[in-house]
Amino acid sequence: MAAKKKPIDFEKSLQDLENLVTAMEKGDMTLEESLKAFETGIQLTRECQTRLAEAEQKVQLLTEQQGELQATPFDTDLS
């Protein structure tokens, strides 16, 4: 039996990507470090895109199952 691939933690991947971009923007990396960081960034970006697509599909299924949704304004009067 093949092991299930553990779903990525979207927020952690996004934070890792932001940290990577910040580090690259400093300009202190060697060429090799920059290439490795770029490769990691591409991987993180693809993981995030995949996770977002999965979430979008899930929302699509839920809205189709529930029928038509109606927008209801939030009650902003808290008094």
C-alpha atoms as a PDB file:
ATOM      1  CA  MET A   1       0.000   0.000   0.000  1.00  0.00           C
ATOM      2  CA  ALA A   2       1.433   3.353  -1.050  1.00  0.00           C
ATOM      3  CA  ALA A   3       1.770   5.971   1.645  1.00  0.00           C
ATOM      4  CA  LYS A   4      -0.492   8.980   1.280  1.00  0.00           C
ATOM      5  CA  LYS A   5       1.314  12.204   0.547  1.00  0.00           C
ATOM      6  CA  LYS A   6       0.977  14.541   3.535  1.00  0.00           C
ATOM      7  CA  PRO A   7      -0.941  17.687   2.549  1.00  0.00           C
ATOM      8  CA  ILE A   8       1.129  20.819   2.691  1.00  0.00           C
ATOM      9  CA  ASP A   9       0.505  23.485   5.277  1.00  0.00           C
ATOM     10  CA  PHE A  10      -0.444  26.366   2.985  1.00  0.00           C
ATOM     11  CA  GLU A  11       0.266  29.101   5.509  1.00  0.00           C
ATOM     12  CA  LYS A  12       3.683  27.679   6.380  1.00  0.00           C
ATOM     13  CA  SER A  13       4.616  27.302   2.716  1.00  0.00           C
ATOM     14  CA  LEU A  14       3.524  30.857   2.023  1.00  0.00           C
ATOM     15  CA  GLN A  15       5.537  32.160   4.991  1.00  0.00           C
ATOM     16  CA  ASP A  16       8.583  30.154   3.843  1.00  0.00           C
ATOM     17  CA  LEU A  17       8.215  31.679   0.385  1.00  0.00           C
ATOM     18  CA  GLU A  18       7.982  35.209   1.823  1.00  0.00           C
ATOM     19  CA  ASN A  19      11.090  34.593   3.953  1.00  0.00           C
ATOM     20  CA  LEU A  20      12.933  33.273   0.919  1.00  0.00           C
ATOM     21  CA  VAL A  21      12.045  36.328  -1.157  1.00  0.00           C
ATOM     22  CA  THR A  22      13.160  38.630   1.664  1.00  0.00           C
ATOM     23  CA  ALA A  23      16.495  36.819   1.922  1.00  0.00           C
ATOM     24  CA  MET A  24      17.019  36.981  -1.843  1.00  0.00           C
ATOM     25  CA  GLU A  25      16.161  40.683  -1.971  1.00  0.00           C
ATOM     26  CA  LYS A  26      18.978  41.439   0.479  1.00  0.00           C
ATOM     27  CA  GLY A  27      21.455  40.447  -2.223  1.00  0.00           C
ATOM     28  CA  ASP A  28      23.843  38.674   0.153  1.00  0.00           C
ATOM     29  CA  MET A  29      23.573  35.248  -1.498  1.00  0.00           C
ATOM     30  CA  THR A  30      26.161  33.673  -3.756  1.00  0.00           C
ATOM     31  CA  LEU A  31      25.111  32.589  -7.227  1.00  0.00           C
ATOM     32  CA  GLU A  32      24.759  28.979  -6.060  1.00  0.00           C
ATOM     33  CA  GLU A  33      22.702  30.006  -3.025  1.00  0.00           C
ATOM     34  CA  SER A  34      20.507  32.188  -5.226  1.00  0.00           C
ATOM     35  CA  LEU A  35      19.875  29.355  -7.674  1.00  0.00           C
ATOM     36  CA  LYS A  36      19.012  26.958  -4.857  1.00  0.00           C
ATOM     37  CA  ALA A  37      16.707  29.568  -3.290  1.00  0.00           C
ATOM     38  CA  PHE A  38      15.043  30.159  -6.661  1.00  0.00           C
ATOM     39  CA  GLU A  39      14.506  26.418  -7.102  1.00  0.00           C
ATOM     40  CA  THR A  40      12.990  26.173  -3.625  1.00  0.00           C
ATOM     41  CA  GLY A  41      10.796  29.188  -4.348  1.00  0.00           C
ATOM     42  CA  ILE A  42       9.449  27.613  -7.525  1.00  0.00           C
ATOM     43  CA  GLN A  43       8.640  24.423  -5.606  1.00  0.00           C
ATOM     44  CA  LEU A  44       6.869  26.365  -2.841  1.00  0.00           C
ATOM     45  CA  THR A  45       4.924  28.389  -5.411  1.00  0.00           C
ATOM     46  CA  ARG A  46       3.736  25.231  -7.166  1.00  0.00           C
ATOM     47  CA  GLU A  47       2.704  23.658  -3.858  1.00  0.00           C
ATOM     48  CA  CYS A  48       0.713  26.758  -2.920  1.00  0.00           C
ATOM     49  CA  GLN A  49      -0.945  26.901  -6.345  1.00  0.00           C
ATOM     50  CA  THR A  50      -1.903  23.231  -6.069  1.00  0.00           C
ATOM     51  CA  ARG A  51      -3.359  23.736  -2.605  1.00  0.00           C
ATOM     52  CA  LEU A  52      -5.338  26.774  -3.752  1.00  0.00           C
ATOM     53  CA  ALA A  53      -6.699  24.842  -6.751  1.00  0.00           C
ATOM     54  CA  GLU A  54      -7.767  22.009  -4.426  1.00  0.00           C
ATOM     55  CA  ALA A  55      -9.510  24.479  -2.126  1.00  0.00           C
ATOM     56  CA  GLU A  56     -11.240  26.106  -5.095  1.00  0.00           C
ATOM     57  CA  GLN A  57     -12.504  22.711  -6.278  1.00  0.00           C
ATOM     58  CA  LYS A  58     -13.795  21.932  -2.805  1.00  0.00           C
ATOM     59  CA  VAL A  59     -15.662  25.254  -2.651  1.00  0.00           C
ATOM     60  CA  GLN A  60     -17.080  24.600  -6.129  1.00  0.00           C
ATOM     61  CA  LEU A  61     -18.364  21.170  -5.047  1.00  0.00           C
ATOM     62  CA  LEU A  62     -19.881  22.544  -1.866  1.00  0.00           C
ATOM     63  CA  THR A  63     -21.684  25.362  -3.654  1.00  0.00           C
ATOM     64  CA  GLU A  64     -22.999  22.967  -6.308  1.00  0.00           C
ATOM     65  CA  GLN A  65     -24.280  20.604  -3.615  1.00  0.00           C
ATOM     66  CA  GLN A  66     -25.958  23.398  -1.680  1.00  0.00           C
ATOM     67  CA  GLY A  67     -27.621  24.995  -4.663  1.00  0.00           C
ATOM     68  CA  GLU A  68     -27.598  28.685  -5.260  1.00  0.00           C
ATOM     69  CA  LEU A  69     -26.002  30.850  -2.592  1.00  0.00           C
ATOM     70  CA  GLN A  70     -27.447  34.174  -1.568  1.00  0.00           C
ATOM     71  CA  ALA A  71     -25.381  37.053  -0.286  1.00  0.00           C
ATOM     72  CA  THR A  72     -26.502  38.166   3.162  1.00  0.00           C
ATOM     73  CA  PRO A  73     -25.047  41.350   4.636  1.00  0.00           C
ATOM     74  CA  PHE A  74     -23.309  41.087   7.977  1.00  0.00           C
ATOM     75  CA  ASP A  75     -25.041  42.597  10.976  1.00  0.00           C
ATOM     76  CA  THR A  76     -22.673  45.470  11.733  1.00  0.00           C
ATOM     77  CA  ASP A  77     -24.871  46.990  14.409  1.00  0.00           C
ATOM     78  CA  LEU A  78     -23.372  45.590  17.621  1.00  0.00           C
ATOM     79  CA  SER A  79     -25.293  47.816  20.028  1.00  0.00           C
END
